[in-house]
Amino acid sequence: MALLNILVYPDARLTKISRPVKEFSEDLRKFVRDLEEIFRSFPGCVGIAAPQVGRFERIILVDISDKPKHVNHGFLILINPEITFCEGSSLGREGCLSVPDYTGKVERAKSITLKALNQKGEKLEFQMSGYEARAVQHEIDHLDGKLFLDRLVSRRNALSKRVEIPAKP
């Protein structure tokens, strides 16, 4: 198991802005493998960003393929992701590994155009909408030192305590 720990709010490091990846080395590929291992260890998780484990580089992983009703591009490793176009608006509830006890209502773009690099430094471009677009926007926020808490639609009633579903005997 990779020795990476999730930073949890109110850890001040979560507000740090991440720097672009410049070197596409074996170290980067190893880190991505470790990050994926951590990501996969949280059932139901749809994304993770490098800053959540204390590495302040612009790297995110997103995978909503477990949610069959949502159109998606499968498991994505996105390095230096940048949203080049966004359209529409959608309100939805979000949770986060770094804010484990709460979920909140957040407004996001309904569809986006995204450019990024893969682990080899090759250019990627995607058109995304719905849940996948929301997940990518959420993870990019981590790269910019933001949490979903910074985007709540209302400070009064948009935040909810996460309800634990008891395991079946």
C-alpha atoms as a PDB file:
ATOM      1  CA  MET A   1       0.000   0.000   0.000  1.00  0.00           C
ATOM      2  CA  ALA A   2       1.282   3.463  -0.913  1.00  0.00           C
ATOM      3  CA  LEU A   3       2.249   5.600   2.049  1.00  0.00           C
ATOM      4  CA  LEU A   4       0.166   8.648   1.205  1.00  0.00           C
ATOM      5  CA  ASN A   5      -2.185  10.288   3.682  1.00  0.00           C
ATOM      6  CA  ILE A   6      -5.196  12.410   2.796  1.00  0.00           C
ATOM      7  CA  LEU A   7      -4.962  15.978   4.102  1.00  0.00           C
ATOM      8  CA  VAL A   8      -8.170  16.876   5.927  1.00  0.00           C
ATOM      9  CA  TYR A   9      -9.805  20.287   6.377  1.00  0.00           C
ATOM     10  CA  PRO A  10      -8.847  22.606   8.106  1.00  0.00           C
ATOM     11  CA  ASP A  11      -5.242  21.709   7.142  1.00  0.00           C
ATOM     12  CA  ALA A  12      -3.825  24.981   5.757  1.00  0.00           C
ATOM     13  CA  ARG A  13      -1.872  23.108   3.053  1.00  0.00           C
ATOM     14  CA  LEU A  14      -5.185  22.520   1.250  1.00  0.00           C
ATOM     15  CA  THR A  15      -5.201  26.233   0.328  1.00  0.00           C
ATOM     16  CA  LYS A  16      -1.820  26.037  -1.418  1.00  0.00           C
ATOM     17  CA  ILE A  17      -1.799  26.579  -5.194  1.00  0.00           C
ATOM     18  CA  SER A  18      -0.130  23.761  -7.117  1.00  0.00           C
ATOM     19  CA  ARG A  19       2.629  24.271  -9.678  1.00  0.00           C
ATOM     20  CA  PRO A  20       2.535  22.841 -13.215  1.00  0.00           C
ATOM     21  CA  VAL A  21       4.283  19.545 -13.876  1.00  0.00           C
ATOM     22  CA  LYS A  22       7.370  20.157 -16.009  1.00  0.00           C
ATOM     23  CA  GLU A  23       9.157  16.803 -15.847  1.00  0.00           C
ATOM     24  CA  PHE A  24       7.492  13.613 -17.082  1.00  0.00           C
ATOM     25  CA  SER A  25       9.760  11.152 -15.315  1.00  0.00           C
ATOM     26  CA  GLU A  26       9.564   7.725 -13.712  1.00  0.00           C
ATOM     27  CA  ASP A  27       9.073   9.571 -10.390  1.00  0.00           C
ATOM     28  CA  LEU A  28       5.892  11.132 -11.806  1.00  0.00           C
ATOM     29  CA  ARG A  29       4.624   7.766 -13.073  1.00  0.00           C
ATOM     30  CA  LYS A  30       5.336   6.144  -9.682  1.00  0.00           C
ATOM     31  CA  PHE A  31       3.511   8.939  -7.876  1.00  0.00           C
ATOM     32  CA  VAL A  32       0.508   8.546 -10.186  1.00  0.00           C
ATOM     33  CA  ARG A  33       0.427   4.796  -9.467  1.00  0.00           C
ATOM     34  CA  ASP A  34       0.559   5.512  -5.714  1.00  0.00           C
ATOM     35  CA  LEU A  35      -2.152   8.162  -6.045  1.00  0.00           C
ATOM     36  CA  GLU A  36      -4.343   5.718  -7.966  1.00  0.00           C
ATOM     37  CA  GLU A  37      -3.837   3.101  -5.248  1.00  0.00           C
ATOM     38  CA  ILE A  38      -5.038   5.556  -2.599  1.00  0.00           C
ATOM     39  CA  PHE A  39      -7.926   6.659  -4.845  1.00  0.00           C
ATOM     40  CA  ARG A  40      -9.070   3.055  -5.385  1.00  0.00           C
ATOM     41  CA  SER A  41      -8.929   2.381  -1.631  1.00  0.00           C
ATOM     42  CA  PHE A  42     -11.979   4.660  -1.145  1.00  0.00           C
ATOM     43  CA  PRO A  43     -15.023   2.908  -2.647  1.00  0.00           C
ATOM     44  CA  GLY A  44     -17.370   5.363  -4.325  1.00  0.00           C
ATOM     45  CA  CYS A  45     -14.660   7.995  -4.753  1.00  0.00           C
ATOM     46  CA  VAL A  46     -14.710   9.601  -8.226  1.00  0.00           C
ATOM     47  CA  GLY A  47     -11.613  11.804  -8.068  1.00  0.00           C
ATOM     48  CA  ILE A  48      -8.474  12.790  -6.242  1.00  0.00           C
ATOM     49  CA  ALA A  49      -5.931  15.571  -6.670  1.00  0.00           C
ATOM     50  CA  ALA A  50      -2.227  15.490  -5.842  1.00  0.00           C
ATOM     51  CA  PRO A  51      -2.504  18.318  -3.256  1.00  0.00           C
ATOM     52  CA  GLN A  52      -4.857  16.152  -1.192  1.00  0.00           C
ATOM     53  CA  VAL A  53      -1.859  13.956  -0.374  1.00  0.00           C
ATOM     54  CA  GLY A  54       0.588  16.838   0.040  1.00  0.00           C
ATOM     55  CA  ARG A  55       2.153  16.931  -3.452  1.00  0.00           C
ATOM     56  CA  PHE A  56       1.545  20.376  -4.880  1.00  0.00           C
ATOM     57  CA  GLU A  57       1.671  19.627  -8.586  1.00  0.00           C
ATOM     58  CA  ARG A  58      -1.186  19.897 -11.077  1.00  0.00           C
ATOM     59  CA  ILE A  59      -2.210  16.223 -11.227  1.00  0.00           C
ATOM     60  CA  ILE A  60      -5.726  14.837 -10.889  1.00  0.00           C
ATOM     61  CA  LEU A  61      -7.347  11.445 -11.333  1.00  0.00           C
ATOM     62  CA  VAL A  62     -11.030  11.131 -12.218  1.00  0.00           C
ATOM     63  CA  ASP A  63     -13.112   8.033 -12.841  1.00  0.00           C
ATOM     64  CA  ILE A  64     -16.911   8.018 -12.817  1.00  0.00           C
ATOM     65  CA  SER A  65     -17.220   4.790 -14.816  1.00  0.00           C
ATOM     66  CA  ASP A  66     -18.794   3.084 -11.748  1.00  0.00           C
ATOM     67  CA  LYS A  67     -21.788   5.354 -12.343  1.00  0.00           C
ATOM     68  CA  PRO A  68     -23.249   3.707 -15.472  1.00  0.00           C
ATOM     69  CA  LYS A  69     -25.994   6.263 -16.071  1.00  0.00           C
ATOM     70  CA  HIS A  70     -23.386   9.009 -16.601  1.00  0.00           C
ATOM     71  CA  VAL A  71     -21.541   9.444 -19.895  1.00  0.00           C
ATOM     72  CA  ASN A  72     -17.798   9.412 -19.256  1.00  0.00           C
ATOM     73  CA  HIS A  73     -14.300   8.939 -20.649  1.00  0.00           C
ATOM     74  CA  GLY A  74     -13.313   6.175 -18.200  1.00  0.00           C
ATOM     75  CA  PHE A  75     -10.322   6.436 -15.880  1.00  0.00           C
ATOM     76  CA  LEU A  76      -8.505   9.724 -16.500  1.00  0.00           C
ATOM     77  CA  ILE A  77      -5.024  10.807 -15.466  1.00  0.00           C
ATOM     78  CA  LEU A  78      -4.944  14.542 -16.124  1.00  0.00           C
ATOM     79  CA  ILE A  79      -1.731  16.504 -15.760  1.00  0.00           C
ATOM     80  CA  ASN A  80      -1.761  20.306 -15.925  1.00  0.00           C
ATOM     81  CA  PRO A  81      -5.524  20.269 -16.685  1.00  0.00           C
ATOM     82  CA  GLU A  82      -7.043  23.487 -17.946  1.00  0.00           C
ATOM     83  CA  ILE A  83     -10.669  24.282 -18.682  1.00  0.00           C
ATOM     84  CA  THR A  84     -10.731  26.211 -21.966  1.00  0.00           C
ATOM     85  CA  PHE A  85     -14.502  26.589 -22.296  1.00  0.00           C
ATOM     86  CA  CYS A  86     -17.481  26.170 -20.010  1.00  0.00           C
ATOM     87  CA  GLU A  87     -21.188  26.449 -20.592  1.00  0.00           C
ATOM     88  CA  GLY A  88     -24.373  26.343 -18.588  1.00  0.00           C
ATOM     89  CA  SER A  89     -24.865  25.954 -14.905  1.00  0.00           C
ATOM     90  CA  SER A  90     -25.808  23.040 -12.700  1.00  0.00           C
ATOM     91  CA  LEU A  91     -26.443  22.735  -8.976  1.00  0.00           C
ATOM     92  CA  GLY A  92     -25.333  19.533  -7.301  1.00  0.00           C
ATOM     93  CA  ARG A  93     -24.263  17.994  -4.011  1.00  0.00           C
ATOM     94  CA  GLU A  94     -20.556  17.247  -3.581  1.00  0.00           C
ATOM     95  CA  GLY A  95     -18.427  15.432  -1.050  1.00  0.00           C
ATOM     96  CA  CYS A  96     -14.666  15.260  -0.677  1.00  0.00           C
ATOM     97  CA  LEU A  97     -12.015  13.012   0.852  1.00  0.00           C
ATOM     98  CA  SER A  98     -10.529  16.126   2.464  1.00  0.00           C
ATOM     99  CA  VAL A  99     -13.877  17.082   4.034  1.00  0.00           C
ATOM    100  CA  PRO A 100     -15.019  13.602   5.070  1.00  0.00           C
ATOM    101  CA  ASP A 101     -17.903  14.507   7.363  1.00  0.00           C
ATOM    102  CA  TYR A 102     -19.886  16.873   5.121  1.00  0.00           C
ATOM    103  CA  THR A 103     -21.434  17.320   1.698  1.00  0.00           C
ATOM    104  CA  GLY A 104     -22.548  20.571   0.153  1.00  0.00           C
ATOM    105  CA  LYS A 105     -24.558  22.126  -2.679  1.00  0.00           C
ATOM    106  CA  VAL A 106     -22.260  23.683  -5.272  1.00  0.00           C
ATOM    107  CA  GLU A 107     -22.932  25.359  -8.599  1.00  0.00           C
ATOM    108  CA  ARG A 108     -20.676  24.261 -11.480  1.00  0.00           C
ATOM    109  CA  ALA A 109     -20.564  24.606 -15.249  1.00  0.00           C
ATOM    110  CA  LYS A 110     -22.828  22.042 -16.923  1.00  0.00           C
ATOM    111  CA  SER A 111     -20.345  21.290 -19.723  1.00  0.00           C
ATOM    112  CA  ILE A 112     -16.650  22.000 -20.243  1.00  0.00           C
ATOM    113  CA  THR A 113     -13.865  21.654 -22.754  1.00  0.00           C
ATOM    114  CA  LEU A 114     -10.707  20.458 -21.087  1.00  0.00           C
ATOM    115  CA  LYS A 115      -7.131  20.220 -22.217  1.00  0.00           C
ATOM    116  CA  ALA A 116      -4.454  18.365 -20.272  1.00  0.00           C
ATOM    117  CA  LEU A 117      -1.401  16.169 -20.651  1.00  0.00           C
ATOM    118  CA  ASN A 118      -1.019  12.468 -20.017  1.00  0.00           C
ATOM    119  CA  GLN A 119       1.867  10.844 -18.086  1.00  0.00           C
ATOM    120  CA  LYS A 120       4.087  10.984 -21.179  1.00  0.00           C
ATOM    121  CA  GLY A 121       3.453  14.695 -21.704  1.00  0.00           C
ATOM    122  CA  GLU A 122       1.175  14.094 -24.696  1.00  0.00           C
ATOM    123  CA  LYS A 123      -1.708  16.505 -25.266  1.00  0.00           C
ATOM    124  CA  LEU A 124      -5.280  15.442 -24.488  1.00  0.00           C
ATOM    125  CA  GLU A 125      -8.562  17.243 -25.076  1.00  0.00           C
ATOM    126  CA  PHE A 126     -12.040  16.320 -23.872  1.00  0.00           C
ATOM    127  CA  GLN A 127     -15.606  17.575 -24.097  1.00  0.00           C
ATOM    128  CA  MET A 128     -17.364  16.735 -20.836  1.00  0.00           C
ATOM    129  CA  SER A 129     -20.762  17.313 -19.367  1.00  0.00           C
ATOM    130  CA  GLY A 130     -22.836  16.441 -16.354  1.00  0.00           C
ATOM    131  CA  TYR A 131     -21.333  14.484 -13.488  1.00  0.00           C
ATOM    132  CA  GLU A 132     -17.941  13.977 -15.151  1.00  0.00           C
ATOM    133  CA  ALA A 133     -17.582  17.733 -15.790  1.00  0.00           C
ATOM    134  CA  ARG A 134     -18.525  18.393 -12.151  1.00  0.00           C
ATOM    135  CA  ALA A 135     -15.935  15.892 -10.860  1.00  0.00           C
ATOM    136  CA  VAL A 136     -13.161  17.413 -12.995  1.00  0.00           C
ATOM    137  CA  GLN A 137     -14.038  20.953 -11.883  1.00  0.00           C
ATOM    138  CA  HIS A 138     -14.013  19.821  -8.246  1.00  0.00           C
ATOM    139  CA  GLU A 139     -10.544  18.267  -8.608  1.00  0.00           C
ATOM    140  CA  ILE A 140      -9.123  21.264 -10.498  1.00  0.00           C
ATOM    141  CA  ASP A 141     -10.290  23.431  -7.592  1.00  0.00           C
ATOM    142  CA  HIS A 142      -7.908  21.455  -5.348  1.00  0.00           C
ATOM    143  CA  LEU A 143      -5.039  22.469  -7.647  1.00  0.00           C
ATOM    144  CA  ASP A 144      -6.030  26.099  -7.081  1.00  0.00           C
ATOM    145  CA  GLY A 145      -6.202  25.739  -3.291  1.00  0.00           C
ATOM    146  CA  LYS A 146      -9.996  25.602  -3.116  1.00  0.00           C
ATOM    147  CA  LEU A 147     -12.435  23.163  -1.533  1.00  0.00           C
ATOM    148  CA  PHE A 148     -16.116  22.718  -2.294  1.00  0.00           C
ATOM    149  CA  LEU A 149     -16.669  24.597   0.990  1.00  0.00           C
ATOM    150  CA  ASP A 150     -15.411  27.733  -0.798  1.00  0.00           C
ATOM    151  CA  ARG A 151     -18.154  27.363  -3.423  1.00  0.00           C
ATOM    152  CA  LEU A 152     -21.241  26.561  -1.343  1.00  0.00           C
ATOM    153  CA  VAL A 153     -24.338  28.224  -2.804  1.00  0.00           C
ATOM    154  CA  SER A 154     -25.419  29.292   0.675  1.00  0.00           C
ATOM    155  CA  ARG A 155     -23.560  29.398   3.956  1.00  0.00           C
ATOM    156  CA  ARG A 156     -26.795  28.784   5.809  1.00  0.00           C
ATOM    157  CA  ASN A 157     -28.302  25.611   4.383  1.00  0.00           C
ATOM    158  CA  ALA A 158     -26.042  24.227   1.632  1.00  0.00           C
ATOM    159  CA  LEU A 159     -23.815  22.181   3.963  1.00  0.00           C
ATOM    160  CA  SER A 160     -25.028  18.846   5.342  1.00  0.00           C
ATOM    161  CA  LYS A 161     -23.554  16.335   7.746  1.00  0.00           C
ATOM    162  CA  ARG A 162     -22.690  13.161   5.821  1.00  0.00           C
ATOM    163  CA  VAL A 163     -24.974  10.292   6.781  1.00  0.00           C
ATOM    164  CA  GLU A 164     -23.221   6.971   7.292  1.00  0.00           C
ATOM    165  CA  ILE A 165     -25.031   3.997   5.812  1.00  0.00           C
ATOM    166  CA  PRO A 166     -24.615   1.061   8.190  1.00  0.00           C
ATOM    167  CA  ALA A 167     -22.919  -2.023   6.715  1.00  0.00           C
ATOM    168  CA  LYS A 168     -25.108  -5.047   6.211  1.00  0.00           C
ATOM    169  CA  PRO A 169     -24.477  -7.874   8.689  1.00  0.00           C
END
